[in-house]
């Protein structure tokens, strides 16, 4: 005997999440752990490089504004 909440959960999983779960399952089967980690670190390096340039740019901008103010 199923309760009302179990029926709603099963219906939601059947109708809305099935395509997403299928894609996630297939992607996880195709990607090895090492390639996933490699991609994460590769993206992380570029985010770090862009972050450093952004901080340097903000520092230079701030110094130039302070210098021109006086």
Protein backbone atom coordinates (compact mmCIF):
# COMPACT_ATOMS: atom_id res chain seq x y z
CA UNK A 1 0.00 0.00 0.00
CA UNK A 2 1.48 3.31 -1.07
CA UNK A 3 0.90 6.52 0.72
CA UNK A 4 -0.10 9.65 -1.13
CA UNK A 5 3.37 11.21 -0.88
CA UNK A 6 5.04 8.15 -2.39
CA UNK A 7 2.70 8.31 -5.39
CA UNK A 8 3.57 11.97 -5.99
CA UNK A 9 7.30 11.32 -5.77
CA UNK A 10 7.09 8.40 -8.17
CA UNK A 11 4.99 10.42 -10.62
CA UNK A 12 7.43 13.35 -10.48
CA UNK A 13 10.40 11.06 -11.08
CA UNK A 14 8.69 9.31 -13.95
CA UNK A 15 7.56 12.41 -15.79
CA UNK A 16 10.07 15.20 -15.15
CA UNK A 17 13.40 13.83 -14.00
CA UNK A 18 13.74 10.74 -16.15
CA UNK A 19 15.41 12.49 -19.13
CA UNK A 20 17.83 14.34 -16.85
CA UNK A 21 18.71 11.23 -14.89
CA UNK A 22 19.28 9.35 -18.13
CA UNK A 23 21.68 12.00 -19.42
CA UNK A 24 23.56 12.10 -16.10
CA UNK A 25 23.80 8.33 -16.01
CA UNK A 26 25.09 8.10 -19.59
CA UNK A 27 27.57 10.93 -19.07
CA UNK A 28 28.91 9.36 -15.89
CA UNK A 29 29.40 6.06 -17.68
CA UNK A 30 31.29 7.73 -20.56
CA UNK A 31 33.62 9.87 -18.48
CA UNK A 32 36.37 8.34 -16.44
CA UNK A 33 37.25 9.81 -13.08
CA UNK A 34 40.64 11.07 -14.26
CA UNK A 35 39.26 13.00 -17.23
CA UNK A 36 36.64 14.66 -15.04
CA UNK A 37 39.26 15.76 -12.51
CA UNK A 38 41.51 16.96 -15.32
CA UNK A 39 38.71 19.12 -16.71
CA UNK A 40 37.90 20.56 -13.31
CA UNK A 41 41.50 21.55 -12.66
CA UNK A 42 41.91 22.95 -16.16
CA UNK A 43 38.88 25.17 -15.67
CA UNK A 44 40.08 26.10 -12.19
CA UNK A 45 43.45 27.26 -13.49
CA UNK A 46 41.83 29.59 -16.02
CA UNK A 47 39.43 30.99 -13.46
CA UNK A 48 42.41 31.64 -11.19
CA UNK A 49 44.37 33.37 -13.96
CA UNK A 50 41.42 35.58 -14.83
CA UNK A 51 40.92 36.35 -11.14
CA UNK A 52 44.53 37.45 -10.74
CA UNK A 53 44.26 39.76 -13.75
CA UNK A 54 41.02 41.20 -12.38
CA UNK A 55 42.56 41.91 -8.98
CA UNK A 56 45.66 43.49 -10.55
CA UNK A 57 43.42 45.62 -12.77
CA UNK A 58 41.39 46.78 -9.77
CA UNK A 59 44.53 47.66 -7.82
CA UNK A 60 45.96 49.64 -10.75
CA UNK A 61 42.60 51.40 -11.24
CA UNK A 62 42.40 52.25 -7.55
CA UNK A 63 45.94 53.62 -7.46
CA UNK A 64 45.35 55.70 -10.58
CA UNK A 65 42.15 57.16 -9.06
CA UNK A 66 43.94 58.00 -5.80
CA UNK A 67 46.83 59.59 -7.69
CA UNK A 68 44.61 61.77 -9.87
CA UNK A 69 42.49 62.93 -6.94
CA UNK A 70 45.19 65.05 -5.31
